Amino acid sequence: MKPLVVVALLIVLVVLAALACTTIGAVHYPPAAVLAAFVHPSSDAGYVLWSLRFPRIAGALVVGGALGLAGTLLQSCLRNSLADPYLIGGSAGAALAIALAIAGGIAVTAYAPLAFVAALAATSIAATLARLGGRASVERIILAGIAISSLCASFTTLVILFSPRASASLSIIAWLGGSLVGHG
């Protein structure tokens, strides 16, 4: 299949998935109710859709697109189609920062900057380790990244297990699972 056809099909699938997400939730809304709420946002369904579902769907689309772009850039920089943020330690560093922030009761507004800085730090540590004893190659960066990723993941598990509040542990797990509750 031609790449343009594949991209067009993927766009159609994303739009269909976004439309399906408007009907799915704690309260099921049939497509007719979603359409009515879209036109008349002052209804009860309109409130739920405009204040909760539409912002979450938009956020999920933006985040998904950004992650796809970041993955593509990382693969082209490392010239390795298997490279991703999990392999070079960035994702695990961000997860550890979020786990510590949730367990420490830090405000939600600080999560994104903390995650960014921690991902950058973990990736920088992996790159520094890869340069020890010689020139950094793609293989060395990935191996150092796996080591950093494993270390951060083990500390994240410790934070989850020893969090002083059970609700913090559940929040960490929900966040790491990609929950959009409370966002949007």
Protein backbone atom coordinates (compact mmCIF):
# COMPACT_ATOMS: atom_id res chain seq x y z
CA MET A 1 0.00 0.00 0.00
CA LYS A 2 1.14 3.52 -0.75
CA PRO A 3 2.27 5.60 2.25
CA LEU A 4 -0.30 8.32 1.53
CA VAL A 5 -3.13 5.78 1.62
CA VAL A 6 -1.82 4.37 4.90
CA VAL A 7 -1.65 7.85 6.46
CA ALA A 8 -5.19 8.63 5.26
CA LEU A 9 -6.49 5.37 6.75
CA LEU A 10 -4.73 6.08 10.04
CA ILE A 11 -6.25 9.56 10.20
CA VAL A 12 -9.71 8.09 9.61
CA LEU A 13 -9.11 5.53 12.38
CA VAL A 14 -7.98 8.25 14.82
CA VAL A 15 -11.09 10.33 14.07
CA LEU A 16 -13.33 7.27 14.54
CA ALA A 17 -11.60 6.42 17.82
CA ALA A 18 -12.01 10.00 19.05
CA LEU A 19 -15.71 9.93 18.14
CA ALA A 20 -16.14 6.59 19.92
CA CYS A 21 -14.50 8.05 23.03
CA THR A 22 -17.22 10.67 23.26
CA THR A 23 -19.82 7.96 23.88
CA ILE A 24 -17.82 5.81 26.30
CA GLY A 25 -17.44 6.63 29.98
CA ALA A 26 -19.08 6.31 33.37
CA VAL A 27 -22.25 7.51 31.65
CA HIS A 28 -22.92 6.17 28.16
CA TYR A 29 -24.16 8.75 25.67
CA PRO A 30 -25.58 7.58 22.35
CA PRO A 31 -24.20 9.34 19.27
CA ALA A 32 -27.40 11.40 18.94
CA ALA A 33 -26.91 12.78 22.48
CA VAL A 34 -23.28 13.61 21.69
CA LEU A 35 -24.33 15.46 18.55
CA ALA A 36 -27.05 17.34 20.48
CA ALA A 37 -24.55 18.24 23.22
CA PHE A 38 -22.08 19.43 20.61
CA VAL A 39 -24.71 21.82 19.24
CA HIS A 40 -26.27 22.69 22.65
CA PRO A 41 -23.51 22.61 25.28
CA SER A 42 -25.79 23.84 28.08
CA SER A 43 -27.38 20.41 28.63
CA ASP A 44 -26.18 17.90 31.24
CA ALA A 45 -24.57 15.80 28.54
CA GLY A 46 -23.05 18.96 27.09
CA TYR A 47 -21.46 19.79 30.43
CA VAL A 48 -19.88 16.33 30.72
CA LEU A 49 -18.72 16.30 27.12
CA TRP A 50 -17.38 19.88 27.00
CA SER A 51 -15.78 19.93 30.44
CA LEU A 52 -14.44 16.37 30.64
CA ARG A 53 -14.48 14.24 27.52
CA PHE A 54 -13.60 16.68 24.76
CA PRO A 55 -10.59 18.15 26.64
CA ARG A 56 -9.33 14.65 27.52
CA ILE A 57 -9.70 13.47 23.94
CA ALA A 58 -7.86 16.57 22.69
CA GLY A 59 -5.14 16.06 25.29
CA ALA A 60 -4.77 12.39 24.38
CA LEU A 61 -4.47 13.27 20.69
CA VAL A 62 -1.82 15.93 21.36
CA VAL A 63 0.15 13.71 23.73
CA GLY A 64 -0.06 10.73 21.37
CA GLY A 65 1.11 12.80 18.44
CA ALA A 66 3.96 14.31 20.45
CA LEU A 67 5.08 10.88 21.65
CA GLY A 68 4.99 9.53 18.10
CA LEU A 69 7.05 12.45 16.86
CA ALA A 70 9.53 12.10 19.72
CA GLY A 71 9.92 8.38 19.01
CA THR A 72 10.51 9.05 15.31
CA LEU A 73 13.12 11.70 16.08
CA LEU A 74 14.87 9.42 18.55
CA GLN A 75 14.97 6.58 16.03
CA SER A 76 16.41 8.83 13.34
CA CYS A 77 19.01 10.33 15.72
CA LEU A 78 20.21 6.91 16.86
CA ARG A 79 19.74 5.36 13.41
CA ASN A 80 17.99 2.42 15.04
CA SER A 81 14.36 1.60 14.34
CA LEU A 82 14.05 -0.16 17.72
CA ALA A 83 15.21 2.81 19.80
CA ASP A 84 12.60 4.40 22.03
CA PRO A 85 12.50 6.43 25.26
CA TYR A 86 12.17 3.20 27.27
CA LEU A 87 15.46 1.89 25.90
CA ILE A 88 17.50 4.99 26.64
CA GLY A 89 16.16 5.58 30.15
CA GLY A 90 14.08 8.71 29.58
CA SER A 91 10.69 7.15 30.29
CA ALA A 92 11.86 5.43 33.46
CA GLY A 93 13.49 8.62 34.72
CA ALA A 94 10.25 10.55 34.15
CA ALA A 95 8.23 7.78 35.83
CA LEU A 96 10.48 7.90 38.89
CA ALA A 97 10.09 11.69 39.14
CA ILE A 98 6.29 11.42 38.88
CA ALA A 99 6.19 8.63 41.46
CA LEU A 100 8.25 10.71 43.89
CA ALA A 101 6.10 13.78 43.20
CA ILE A 102 2.84 11.94 43.84
CA ALA A 103 4.18 10.24 46.96
CA GLY A 104 5.54 13.57 48.20
CA GLY A 105 2.26 15.38 47.62
CA ILE A 106 3.65 17.83 45.06
CA ALA A 107 1.05 19.79 43.05
CA VAL A 108 -0.11 18.27 39.77
CA THR A 109 0.97 21.39 37.89
CA ALA A 110 4.62 20.53 38.62
CA TYR A 111 4.43 17.02 37.16
CA ALA A 112 5.19 17.85 33.53
CA PRO A 113 8.29 19.98 34.23
CA LEU A 114 9.55 17.42 36.76
CA ALA A 115 9.04 14.57 34.30
CA PHE A 116 10.80 16.50 31.53
CA VAL A 117 13.83 17.35 33.67
CA ALA A 118 14.06 13.79 35.02
CA ALA A 119 13.81 12.27 31.54
CA LEU A 120 16.51 14.62 30.31
CA ALA A 121 18.70 13.77 33.31
CA ALA A 122 18.26 10.01 32.88
CA THR A 123 19.03 10.24 29.16
CA SER A 124 22.07 12.43 29.86
CA ILE A 125 23.35 9.93 32.43
CA ALA A 126 22.93 7.12 29.89
CA ALA A 127 24.82 9.13 27.27
CA THR A 128 27.58 9.92 29.77
CA LEU A 129 27.89 6.25 30.73
CA ALA A 130 28.06 5.31 27.06
CA ARG A 131 31.04 7.66 26.59
CA LEU A 132 33.05 6.20 29.46
CA GLY A 133 36.11 4.41 28.19
CA GLY A 134 35.81 5.52 24.60
CA ARG A 135 33.56 6.84 21.91
CA ALA A 136 29.81 6.55 22.41
CA SER A 137 28.21 4.23 19.89
CA VAL A 138 24.52 3.59 19.38
CA GLU A 139 24.87 0.17 20.98
CA ARG A 140 26.61 1.60 24.04
CA ILE A 141 23.96 4.31 24.44
CA ILE A 142 21.17 1.72 24.29
CA LEU A 143 22.94 -0.59 26.75
CA ALA A 144 23.58 2.28 29.17
CA GLY A 145 19.96 3.37 28.70
CA ILE A 146 18.71 -0.09 29.58
CA ALA A 147 20.79 -0.02 32.75
CA ILE A 148 19.48 3.43 33.75
CA SER A 149 15.95 2.39 32.86
CA SER A 150 16.15 -0.71 35.03
CA LEU A 151 17.58 1.26 37.94
CA CYS A 152 14.88 3.95 37.73
CA ALA A 153 12.13 1.33 37.33
CA SER A 154 13.30 -0.48 40.45
CA PHE A 155 13.27 2.77 42.45
CA THR A 156 9.80 3.55 41.09
CA THR A 157 8.62 0.16 42.35
CA LEU A 158 10.10 0.91 45.75
CA VAL A 159 8.27 4.24 45.88
CA ILE A 160 4.99 2.49 45.01
CA LEU A 161 5.53 -0.22 47.62
CA PHE A 162 6.65 2.07 50.44
CA SER A 163 4.41 5.06 49.74
CA PRO A 164 2.97 6.31 53.04
CA ARG A 165 -0.57 6.44 51.62
CA ALA A 166 -2.33 3.70 49.67
CA SER A 167 -4.07 6.35 47.57
CA ALA A 168 -0.66 7.65 46.44
CA SER A 169 0.34 4.17 45.27
CA LEU A 170 -2.89 3.87 43.29
CA SER A 171 -2.39 7.33 41.81
CA ILE A 172 1.15 6.45 40.76
CA ILE A 173 -0.01 3.26 39.07
CA ALA A 174 -2.87 5.11 37.32
CA TRP A 175 -0.49 7.83 36.14
CA LEU A 176 2.06 5.32 34.85
CA GLY A 177 -0.74 3.46 33.08
CA GLY A 178 -1.62 6.60 31.12
CA SER A 179 -4.76 7.70 32.94
CA LEU A 180 -6.21 11.02 31.84
CA VAL A 181 -8.43 11.39 34.92
CA GLY A 182 -8.04 14.87 36.34
CA HIS A 183 -6.50 16.20 33.13
CA GLY A 184 -8.17 18.26 30.54
